[in-house]
C-alpha atoms as a PDB file:
ATOM      1  CA  UNK A   1       5.199 -12.194 -10.765  1.00  0.00           C
ATOM      2  CA  UNK A   2       3.632 -10.773  -7.572  1.00  0.00           C
ATOM      3  CA  UNK A   3      -0.234 -10.036  -7.171  1.00  0.00           C
ATOM      4  CA  UNK A   4      -1.187  -7.252  -4.393  1.00  0.00           C
ATOM      5  CA  UNK A   5      -4.540  -7.395  -2.618  1.00  0.00           C
ATOM      6  CA  UNK A   6      -7.175  -4.869  -2.566  1.00  0.00           C
ATOM      7  CA  UNK A   7      -7.899  -3.878   1.321  1.00  0.00           C
ATOM      8  CA  UNK A   8      -9.650  -6.402   2.632  1.00  0.00           C
ATOM      9  CA  UNK A   9      -9.307  -9.177   0.334  1.00  0.00           C
ATOM     10  CA  UNK A  10      -7.107 -11.909   0.152  1.00  0.00           C
ATOM     11  CA  UNK A  11      -7.007 -13.155  -3.802  1.00  0.00           C
ATOM     12  CA  UNK A  12     -10.604 -13.585  -4.975  1.00  0.00           C
ATOM     13  CA  UNK A  13      -9.964 -11.730  -7.757  1.00  0.00           C
ATOM     14  CA  UNK A  14      -7.316 -13.371  -9.132  1.00  0.00           C
ATOM     15  CA  UNK A  15      -8.706 -16.764  -9.158  1.00  0.00           C
ATOM     16  CA  UNK A  16      -8.748 -16.608 -13.045  1.00  0.00           C
ATOM     17  CA  UNK A  17      -5.781 -14.693 -13.792  1.00  0.00           C
ATOM     18  CA  UNK A  18      -3.146 -17.284 -11.283  1.00  0.00           C
ATOM     19  CA  UNK A  19      -4.637 -20.344 -13.210  1.00  0.00           C
ATOM     20  CA  UNK A  20      -4.131 -17.919 -16.501  1.00  0.00           C
ATOM     21  CA  UNK A  21       0.025 -16.827 -16.122  1.00  0.00           C
ATOM     22  CA  UNK A  22       0.485 -20.737 -15.664  1.00  0.00           C
ATOM     23  CA  UNK A  23       4.167 -21.039 -14.568  1.00  0.00           C
ATOM     24  CA  UNK A  24       4.835 -17.138 -14.740  1.00  0.00           C
ATOM     25  CA  UNK A  25       2.520 -16.970 -11.451  1.00  0.00           C
ATOM     26  CA  UNK A  26       5.121 -16.840  -8.282  1.00  0.00           C
ATOM     27  CA  UNK A  27       3.977 -14.539  -5.077  1.00  0.00           C
ATOM     28  CA  UNK A  28       0.733 -13.877  -3.588  1.00  0.00           C
ATOM     29  CA  UNK A  29       1.611 -12.544   0.030  1.00  0.00           C
ATOM     30  CA  UNK A  30      -1.517 -11.842   2.444  1.00  0.00           C
ATOM     31  CA  UNK A  31      -1.711  -7.823   4.248  1.00  0.00           C
ATOM     32  CA  UNK A  32      -1.375  -7.843   7.449  1.00  0.00           C
ATOM     33  CA  UNK A  33      -4.299  -9.615   9.327  1.00  0.00           C
ATOM     34  CA  UNK A  34      -5.862 -10.761   5.698  1.00  0.00           C
ATOM     35  CA  UNK A  35      -6.083 -14.391   4.560  1.00  0.00           C
ATOM     36  CA  UNK A  36      -2.760 -15.972   6.359  1.00  0.00           C
ATOM     37  CA  UNK A  37      -0.948 -13.438   7.946  1.00  0.00           C
ATOM     38  CA  UNK A  38      -1.423 -12.740  11.555  1.00  0.00           C
ATOM     39  CA  UNK A  39      -2.388  -9.056  12.996  1.00  0.00           C
ATOM     40  CA  UNK A  40       0.582  -6.961  13.536  1.00  0.00           C
ATOM     41  CA  UNK A  41       1.725  -6.629  17.007  1.00  0.00           C
ATOM     42  CA  UNK A  42       1.313  -2.680  16.799  1.00  0.00           C
ATOM     43  CA  UNK A  43      -2.218  -1.857  15.609  1.00  0.00           C
ATOM     44  CA  UNK A  44      -0.732   1.714  13.674  1.00  0.00           C
ATOM     45  CA  UNK A  45       1.535  -0.314  11.526  1.00  0.00           C
ATOM     46  CA  UNK A  46      -0.812  -0.899   8.727  1.00  0.00           C
ATOM     47  CA  UNK A  47       0.279   1.430   6.107  1.00  0.00           C
ATOM     48  CA  UNK A  48       0.735   1.895   2.545  1.00  0.00           C
ATOM     49  CA  UNK A  49       4.464   2.178   3.286  1.00  0.00           C
ATOM     50  CA  UNK A  50       4.209  -0.361   5.614  1.00  0.00           C
ATOM     51  CA  UNK A  51       2.627  -3.027   3.197  1.00  0.00           C
ATOM     52  CA  UNK A  52       5.363  -1.694   0.290  1.00  0.00           C
ATOM     53  CA  UNK A  53       7.912  -2.794   2.339  1.00  0.00           C
ATOM     54  CA  UNK A  54       6.305  -6.046   3.281  1.00  0.00           C
ATOM     55  CA  UNK A  55       6.258  -7.075  -0.341  1.00  0.00           C
ATOM     56  CA  UNK A  56      10.696  -6.814  -0.778  1.00  0.00           C
ATOM     57  CA  UNK A  57      10.646  -8.947   2.573  1.00  0.00           C
ATOM     58  CA  UNK A  58       8.441 -11.232   0.315  1.00  0.00           C
ATOM     59  CA  UNK A  59      10.561 -10.738  -2.282  1.00  0.00           C
ATOM     60  CA  UNK A  60      14.026 -11.253  -0.004  1.00  0.00           C
ATOM     61  CA  UNK A  61      12.387 -15.149   1.414  1.00  0.00           C
ATOM     62  CA  UNK A  62      11.724 -16.501  -2.039  1.00  0.00           C
ATOM     63  CA  UNK A  63      15.231 -15.183  -3.260  1.00  0.00           C
ATOM     64  CA  UNK A  64      13.461 -12.807  -6.172  1.00  0.00           C
ATOM     65  CA  UNK A  65      15.243 -10.121  -7.547  1.00  0.00           C
ATOM     66  CA  UNK A  66      12.722  -8.306  -9.230  1.00  0.00           C
ATOM     67  CA  UNK A  67       9.212  -8.760  -9.934  1.00  0.00           C
ATOM     68  CA  UNK A  68       6.554  -7.576 -12.113  1.00  0.00           C
ATOM     69  CA  UNK A  69       3.700  -6.293  -9.235  1.00  0.00           C
ATOM     70  CA  UNK A  70       0.542  -6.554 -10.475  1.00  0.00           C
ATOM     71  CA  UNK A  71      -1.979  -4.695  -8.161  1.00  0.00           C
ATOM     72  CA  UNK A  72      -5.658  -3.977  -8.070  1.00  0.00           C
ATOM     73  CA  UNK A  73      -8.133  -1.636  -5.975  1.00  0.00           C
ATOM     74  CA  UNK A  74      -5.445  -0.243  -2.976  1.00  0.00           C
ATOM     75  CA  UNK A  75      -2.740  -2.962  -4.417  1.00  0.00           C
ATOM     76  CA  UNK A  76      -2.116  -0.101  -6.987  1.00  0.00           C
ATOM     77  CA  UNK A  77      -1.133   2.226  -4.209  1.00  0.00           C
ATOM     78  CA  UNK A  78       1.080  -0.551  -2.754  1.00  0.00           C
ATOM     79  CA  UNK A  79       2.235  -1.522  -6.184  1.00  0.00           C
ATOM     80  CA  UNK A  80       3.459   2.180  -7.013  1.00  0.00           C
ATOM     81  CA  UNK A  81       4.885   2.608  -3.368  1.00  0.00           C
ATOM     82  CA  UNK A  82       6.855  -0.498  -3.267  1.00  0.00           C
ATOM     83  CA  UNK A  83       8.038   1.448  -6.744  1.00  0.00           C
ATOM     84  CA  UNK A  84       9.003   4.736  -4.764  1.00  0.00           C
ATOM     85  CA  UNK A  85      10.505   3.358  -1.981  1.00  0.00           C
ATOM     86  CA  UNK A  86      12.210  -0.237  -3.558  1.00  0.00           C
ATOM     87  CA  UNK A  87      13.034   1.030  -7.378  1.00  0.00           C
ATOM     88  CA  UNK A  88      15.096  -1.981  -7.891  1.00  0.00           C
ATOM     89  CA  UNK A  89      12.399  -4.522  -6.978  1.00  0.00           C
ATOM     90  CA  UNK A  90       9.937  -3.728  -9.755  1.00  0.00           C
ATOM     91  CA  UNK A  91      10.280  -5.246 -13.146  1.00  0.00           C
ATOM     92  CA  UNK A  92       6.978  -3.712 -14.444  1.00  0.00           C
ATOM     93  CA  UNK A  93       3.468  -2.523 -13.083  1.00  0.00           C
ATOM     94  CA  UNK A  94       0.290  -3.739 -13.915  1.00  0.00           C
ATOM     95  CA  UNK A  95      -2.613  -1.451 -12.074  1.00  0.00           C
ATOM     96  CA  UNK A  96      -5.928  -2.710 -11.826  1.00  0.00           C
ATOM     97  CA  UNK A  97      -9.085  -0.904 -11.321  1.00  0.00           C
ATOM     98  CA  UNK A  98      -7.474   1.690  -8.519  1.00  0.00           C
ATOM     99  CA  UNK A  99      -6.257   5.001  -7.953  1.00  0.00           C
ATOM    100  CA  UNK A 100      -2.493   6.118  -7.286  1.00  0.00           C
ATOM    101  CA  UNK A 101      -4.329   8.334  -4.037  1.00  0.00           C
ATOM    102  CA  UNK A 102      -6.754   9.495  -1.908  1.00  0.00           C
ATOM    103  CA  UNK A 103      -8.918   6.752  -2.983  1.00  0.00           C
ATOM    104  CA  UNK A 104     -11.914   7.671  -0.559  1.00  0.00           C
ATOM    105  CA  UNK A 105     -12.267  11.424  -2.374  1.00  0.00           C
ATOM    106  CA  UNK A 106     -14.105   9.778  -5.216  1.00  0.00           C
ATOM    107  CA  UNK A 107     -15.334   6.890  -3.967  1.00  0.00           C
ATOM    108  CA  UNK A 108     -19.294   6.757  -5.343  1.00  0.00           C
ATOM    109  CA  UNK A 109     -18.024  10.052  -7.016  1.00  0.00           C
ATOM    110  CA  UNK A 110     -17.996  11.640  -3.664  1.00  0.00           C
ATOM    111  CA  UNK A 111     -15.940  12.574  -0.679  1.00  0.00           C
ATOM    112  CA  UNK A 112     -18.333  11.659   1.485  1.00  0.00           C
ATOM    113  CA  UNK A 113     -16.745   8.076   2.249  1.00  0.00           C
ATOM    114  CA  UNK A 114     -13.246  10.465   3.480  1.00  0.00           C
ATOM    115  CA  UNK A 115     -15.874  12.789   5.352  1.00  0.00           C
ATOM    116  CA  UNK A 116     -17.218  10.136   7.508  1.00  0.00           C
ATOM    117  CA  UNK A 117     -14.681   7.842   8.020  1.00  0.00           C
ATOM    118  CA  UNK A 118     -13.216   9.583  11.321  1.00  0.00           C
ATOM    119  CA  UNK A 119     -16.725   9.122  13.573  1.00  0.00           C
ATOM    120  CA  UNK A 120     -16.826   5.592  11.569  1.00  0.00           C
ATOM    121  CA  UNK A 121     -13.441   4.704  13.222  1.00  0.00           C
ATOM    122  CA  UNK A 122     -14.574   6.295  16.368  1.00  0.00           C
ATOM    123  CA  UNK A 123     -17.338   4.002  16.634  1.00  0.00           C
ATOM    124  CA  UNK A 124     -15.707   0.892  15.982  1.00  0.00           C
ATOM    125  CA  UNK A 125     -13.131   1.555  18.549  1.00  0.00           C
ATOM    126  CA  UNK A 126     -16.267   1.623  20.948  1.00  0.00           C
ATOM    127  CA  UNK A 127     -18.003  -1.103  20.355  1.00  0.00           C
ATOM    128  CA  UNK A 128     -15.411  -3.288  18.261  1.00  0.00           C
ATOM    129  CA  UNK A 129     -17.196  -7.029  19.665  1.00  0.00           C
ATOM    130  CA  UNK A 130     -20.465  -5.928  18.363  1.00  0.00           C
ATOM    131  CA  UNK A 131     -19.190  -4.768  14.853  1.00  0.00           C
ATOM    132  CA  UNK A 132     -17.075  -7.877  14.200  1.00  0.00           C
ATOM    133  CA  UNK A 133     -19.740  -9.926  15.202  1.00  0.00           C
ATOM    134  CA  UNK A 134     -22.286  -8.607  13.224  1.00  0.00           C
ATOM    135  CA  UNK A 135     -19.753  -8.712   9.853  1.00  0.00           C
ATOM    136  CA  UNK A 136     -19.042 -12.439  10.426  1.00  0.00           C
ATOM    137  CA  UNK A 137     -22.823 -13.078  10.442  1.00  0.00           C
ATOM    138  CA  UNK A 138     -24.070 -10.727   8.101  1.00  0.00           C
ATOM    139  CA  UNK A 139     -21.206  -9.976   5.261  1.00  0.00           C
ATOM    140  CA  UNK A 140     -20.596 -14.139   3.948  1.00  0.00           C
ATOM    141  CA  UNK A 141     -24.553 -14.577   3.075  1.00  0.00           C
ATOM    142  CA  UNK A 142     -26.467 -14.300  -0.110  1.00  0.00           C
ATOM    143  CA  UNK A 143     -28.048 -11.168   1.189  1.00  0.00           C
ATOM    144  CA  UNK A 144     -24.640  -9.442   1.513  1.00  0.00           C
ATOM    145  CA  UNK A 145     -24.095 -10.460  -2.180  1.00  0.00           C
ATOM    146  CA  UNK A 146     -27.461  -9.073  -3.589  1.00  0.00           C
ATOM    147  CA  UNK A 147     -26.628  -5.926  -1.990  1.00  0.00           C
ATOM    148  CA  UNK A 148     -23.281  -6.060  -3.756  1.00  0.00           C
ATOM    149  CA  UNK A 149     -24.455  -6.517  -6.834  1.00  0.00           C
ATOM    150  CA  UNK A 150     -26.993  -3.505  -6.755  1.00  0.00           C
ATOM    151  CA  UNK A 151     -24.008  -1.154  -5.138  1.00  0.00           C
ATOM    152  CA  UNK A 152     -21.302  -2.070  -7.640  1.00  0.00           C
ATOM    153  CA  UNK A 153     -20.298  -5.465  -9.108  1.00  0.00           C
ATOM    154  CA  UNK A 154     -21.906  -6.517 -12.614  1.00  0.00           C
ATOM    155  CA  UNK A 155     -24.154  -9.303 -11.333  1.00  0.00           C
ATOM    156  CA  UNK A 156     -24.514 -10.507 -14.197  1.00  0.00           C
ATOM    157  CA  UNK A 157     -21.246 -10.891 -14.935  1.00  0.00           C
ATOM    158  CA  UNK A 158     -20.259 -12.471 -11.448  1.00  0.00           C
ATOM    159  CA  UNK A 159     -20.366 -16.086 -10.924  1.00  0.00           C
ATOM    160  CA  UNK A 160     -21.409 -15.870  -7.094  1.00  0.00           C
ATOM    161  CA  UNK A 161     -18.821 -18.287  -6.177  1.00  0.00           C
ATOM    162  CA  UNK A 162     -16.319 -16.278  -7.701  1.00  0.00           C
ATOM    163  CA  UNK A 163     -17.666 -13.455  -5.110  1.00  0.00           C
ATOM    164  CA  UNK A 164     -18.253 -15.216  -2.125  1.00  0.00           C
ATOM    165  CA  UNK A 165     -14.908 -15.599  -0.690  1.00  0.00           C
ATOM    166  CA  UNK A 166     -14.298 -12.091  -1.031  1.00  0.00           C
ATOM    167  CA  UNK A 167     -17.041 -11.358   1.788  1.00  0.00           C
ATOM    168  CA  UNK A 168     -16.033 -14.592   3.319  1.00  0.00           C
ATOM    169  CA  UNK A 169     -12.929 -12.544   3.637  1.00  0.00           C
ATOM    170  CA  UNK A 170     -13.798  -9.722   4.986  1.00  0.00           C
ATOM    171  CA  UNK A 171     -16.048 -11.439   7.648  1.00  0.00           C
ATOM    172  CA  UNK A 172     -12.818 -12.383   9.458  1.00  0.00           C
ATOM    173  CA  UNK A 173     -10.737  -9.122   9.283  1.00  0.00           C
ATOM    174  CA  UNK A 174     -10.788  -7.474  12.481  1.00  0.00           C
ATOM    175  CA  UNK A 175     -12.791  -4.268  11.987  1.00  0.00           C
ATOM    176  CA  UNK A 176     -10.102  -1.922  13.881  1.00  0.00           C
ATOM    177  CA  UNK A 177      -7.631  -3.221  11.317  1.00  0.00           C
ATOM    178  CA  UNK A 178      -9.990  -2.778   8.545  1.00  0.00           C
ATOM    179  CA  UNK A 179     -10.504   0.958   9.211  1.00  0.00           C
ATOM    180  CA  UNK A 180      -7.104   2.160  10.030  1.00  0.00           C
ATOM    181  CA  UNK A 181      -6.204   0.445   7.056  1.00  0.00           C
ATOM    182  CA  UNK A 182      -8.780   2.531   4.603  1.00  0.00           C
ATOM    183  CA  UNK A 183      -7.676   5.946   6.480  1.00  0.00           C
ATOM    184  CA  UNK A 184      -4.045   5.297   5.760  1.00  0.00           C
ATOM    185  CA  UNK A 185      -4.908   4.275   2.063  1.00  0.00           C
ATOM    186  CA  UNK A 186      -7.284   7.292   1.639  1.00  0.00           C
ATOM    187  CA  UNK A 187      -4.135  10.190   3.122  1.00  0.00           C
ATOM    188  CA  UNK A 188      -1.495   8.300   0.716  1.00  0.00           C
ATOM    189  CA  UNK A 189      -1.050   9.342  -2.662  1.00  0.00           C
ATOM    190  CA  UNK A 190       1.843   8.449  -5.187  1.00  0.00           C
ATOM    191  CA  UNK A 191       0.787  10.819  -7.835  1.00  0.00           C
ATOM    192  CA  UNK A 192       3.486  12.920  -8.060  1.00  0.00           C
ATOM    193  CA  UNK A 193       5.769   9.354  -8.683  1.00  0.00           C
ATOM    194  CA  UNK A 194       3.812   8.602 -11.743  1.00  0.00           C
ATOM    195  CA  UNK A 195       5.943  11.039 -13.717  1.00  0.00           C
ATOM    196  CA  UNK A 196       8.647   9.458 -12.965  1.00  0.00           C
ATOM    197  CA  UNK A 197       7.636   5.766 -13.649  1.00  0.00           C
ATOM    198  CA  UNK A 198      10.162   4.176 -15.860  1.00  0.00           C
ATOM    199  CA  UNK A 199       9.041   0.422 -16.165  1.00  0.00           C
ATOM    200  CA  UNK A 200       6.695  -1.150 -18.319  1.00  0.00           C
ATOM    201  CA  UNK A 201       3.366  -0.062 -17.169  1.00  0.00           C
ATOM    202  CA  UNK A 202      -0.027  -1.481 -17.866  1.00  0.00           C
ATOM    203  CA  UNK A 203      -3.569  -0.522 -16.318  1.00  0.00           C
ATOM    204  CA  UNK A 204      -6.982  -1.237 -16.212  1.00  0.00           C
ATOM    205  CA  UNK A 205      -9.962   0.282 -15.866  1.00  0.00           C
ATOM    206  CA  UNK A 206     -13.849  -0.496 -15.620  1.00  0.00           C
ATOM    207  CA  UNK A 207     -16.090   2.061 -17.232  1.00  0.00           C
ATOM    208  CA  UNK A 208     -18.489   1.333 -14.579  1.00  0.00           C
ATOM    209  CA  UNK A 209     -16.537   1.451 -11.568  1.00  0.00           C
ATOM    210  CA  UNK A 210     -18.057   3.013  -8.738  1.00  0.00           C
ATOM    211  CA  UNK A 211     -15.041   2.914  -6.578  1.00  0.00           C
ATOM    212  CA  UNK A 212     -12.586   4.043  -8.870  1.00  0.00           C
ATOM    213  CA  UNK A 213     -14.283   6.115 -11.174  1.00  0.00           C
ATOM    214  CA  UNK A 214     -12.525   5.301 -14.629  1.00  0.00           C
ATOM    215  CA  UNK A 215     -11.442   8.901 -15.238  1.00  0.00           C
ATOM    216  CA  UNK A 216      -8.906   8.458 -12.374  1.00  0.00           C
ATOM    217  CA  UNK A 217      -7.611   5.549 -14.069  1.00  0.00           C
ATOM    218  CA  UNK A 218      -7.658   7.263 -17.627  1.00  0.00           C
ATOM    219  CA  UNK A 219      -5.388  10.158 -15.773  1.00  0.00           C
ATOM    220  CA  UNK A 220      -2.791   7.530 -14.319  1.00  0.00           C
ATOM    221  CA  UNK A 221      -1.985   6.036 -17.608  1.00  0.00           C
ATOM    222  CA  UNK A 222      -1.304   9.581 -19.101  1.00  0.00           C
ATOM    223  CA  UNK A 223       0.861  10.757 -16.346  1.00  0.00           C
ATOM    224  CA  UNK A 224       2.836   7.293 -16.597  1.00  0.00           C
ATOM    225  CA  UNK A 225       5.357   7.451 -19.431  1.00  0.00           C
ATOM    226  CA  UNK A 226       4.424   5.143 -22.258  1.00  0.00           C
ATOM    227  CA  UNK A 227       1.892   3.281 -20.057  1.00  0.00           C
ATOM    228  CA  UNK A 228      -0.453   1.336 -21.859  1.00  0.00           C
ATOM    229  CA  UNK A 229      -4.513   1.520 -21.081  1.00  0.00           C
ATOM    230  CA  UNK A 230      -7.259  -1.113 -21.379  1.00  0.00           C
ATOM    231  CA  UNK A 231     -10.800   0.160 -20.227  1.00  0.00           C
ATOM    232  CA  UNK A 232     -13.584  -2.034 -20.273  1.00  0.00           C
ATOM    233  CA  UNK A 233     -17.090   0.207 -20.208  1.00  0.00           C
ATOM    234  CA  UNK A 234     -18.969  -2.687 -18.836  1.00  0.00           C
ATOM    235  CA  UNK A 235     -17.080  -3.744 -15.902  1.00  0.00           C
ATOM    236  CA  UNK A 236     -17.009  -2.321 -12.302  1.00  0.00           C
ATOM    237  CA  UNK A 237     -14.119  -2.520  -9.498  1.00  0.00           C
ATOM    238  CA  UNK A 238     -14.048  -6.205  -9.646  1.00  0.00           C
ATOM    239  CA  UNK A 239     -13.028  -6.188 -13.824  1.00  0.00           C
ATOM    240  CA  UNK A 240     -10.842  -9.282 -13.254  1.00  0.00           C
ATOM    241  CA  UNK A 241     -13.789 -12.074 -12.619  1.00  0.00           C
ATOM    242  CA  UNK A 242     -16.365 -10.273 -14.855  1.00  0.00           C
ATOM    243  CA  UNK A 243     -14.428 -10.391 -17.938  1.00  0.00           C
ATOM    244  CA  UNK A 244     -11.292 -12.671 -16.867  1.00  0.00           C
ATOM    245  CA  UNK A 245     -10.334 -13.867 -20.527  1.00  0.00           C
ATOM    246  CA  UNK A 246      -9.750  -9.922 -22.048  1.00  0.00           C
ATOM    247  CA  UNK A 247      -7.990  -9.428 -18.671  1.00  0.00           C
ATOM    248  CA  UNK A 248      -5.944 -11.859 -18.821  1.00  0.00           C
ATOM    249  CA  UNK A 249      -5.087 -11.980 -22.466  1.00  0.00           C
ATOM    250  CA  UNK A 250      -4.619  -7.960 -22.273  1.00  0.00           C
ATOM    251  CA  UNK A 251      -1.894  -9.155 -19.097  1.00  0.00           C
ATOM    252  CA  UNK A 252      -0.087 -11.825 -21.010  1.00  0.00           C
ATOM    253  CA  UNK A 253       0.363  -9.786 -24.294  1.00  0.00           C
ATOM    254  CA  UNK A 254       1.159  -6.633 -22.152  1.00  0.00           C
ATOM    255  CA  UNK A 255       4.005  -9.249 -20.182  1.00  0.00           C
ATOM    256  CA  UNK A 256       5.126 -10.704 -23.534  1.00  0.00           C
ATOM    257  CA  UNK A 257       5.622  -7.715 -25.369  1.00  0.00           C
ATOM    258  CA  UNK A 258       6.825  -5.350 -22.996  1.00  0.00           C
ATOM    259  CA  UNK A 259       8.688  -7.509 -20.526  1.00  0.00           C
ATOM    260  CA  UNK A 260       9.862 -10.489 -22.719  1.00  0.00           C
ATOM    261  CA  UNK A 261      10.048  -8.463 -25.345  1.00  0.00           C
ATOM    262  CA  UNK A 262       9.080 -11.564 -27.831  1.00  0.00           C
ATOM    263  CA  UNK A 263       9.370 -10.437 -31.515  1.00  0.00           C
ATOM    264  CA  UNK A 264       6.590 -12.541 -32.544  1.00  0.00           C
ATOM    265  CA  UNK A 265       4.207 -11.589 -29.426  1.00  0.00           C
ATOM    266  CA  UNK A 266       0.768 -10.143 -30.868  1.00  0.00           C
ATOM    267  CA  UNK A 267       1.051  -6.488 -31.039  1.00  0.00           C
ATOM    268  CA  UNK A 268      -1.350  -4.464 -29.029  1.00  0.00           C
ATOM    269  CA  UNK A 269      -2.013  -0.298 -29.394  1.00  0.00           C
ATOM    270  CA  UNK A 270      -0.970   1.812 -26.839  1.00  0.00           C
ATOM    271  CA  UNK A 271      -4.687   2.913 -25.913  1.00  0.00           C
ATOM    272  CA  UNK A 272      -7.637   0.517 -26.043  1.00  0.00           C
ATOM    273  CA  UNK A 273     -11.063   0.691 -25.005  1.00  0.00           C
ATOM    274  CA  UNK A 274     -13.069  -2.631 -25.353  1.00  0.00           C
ATOM    275  CA  UNK A 275     -16.057  -3.711 -25.496  1.00  0.00           C
ATOM    276  CA  UNK A 276     -15.147  -6.804 -23.695  1.00  0.00           C
ATOM    277  CA  UNK A 277     -16.738  -8.933 -26.592  1.00  0.00           C
END
């Protein structure tokens, strides 16, 4: 397994899945300028295509011929682009709470983020040190968690200790790199690729995901031949840490049936919508 994070993330959303995959878990690289990876020497080299090529370099370094790519949020685009550019290295896809392309056009049900991003970028490049100091002071706080719980995450389903690492990681990222990567992800699309995907694919959606509305996930699952869909009606963009048991069980079952081909694996319908009880 190779885990592909969302933008600004260095693994918080995989906390339970990594544990539940046990010995199957293999690789979790950090993107350029994220977590333990240094910022790129060329600040423009943060496109989805760059990140996809990086994943293959990681596979090469680990001497892994192919892997199942598990992507969350922007990691869905990275996983799909890796399939496009390096088909032989992808054994399967698990696409969690993400869109195949142009995610900013449907962020919170509006294209506003896409429209204002160029202005945001100009301001970030004018006063980067001020913005970086501000985010490093404000983001890793309980106040930021309270704001996130009102804007997106399901507070009643999330332990703050599971979400704070996201805010702490975001606080460490240079704002210029973040907006450059966000712009690249906003312009990228792999929607044309979906009908050509010929590896086992599982799509996981949160029914209350405001960052990637669930209809994007449904459309993606419909466009990929033989794809399976798990939609969790009461989960948000952080479904893997809101409903970890359901998400992890579904991923393990998918791997057993579709990747390993185990005859005794528990069967699951191609389309599943669960209340995550």
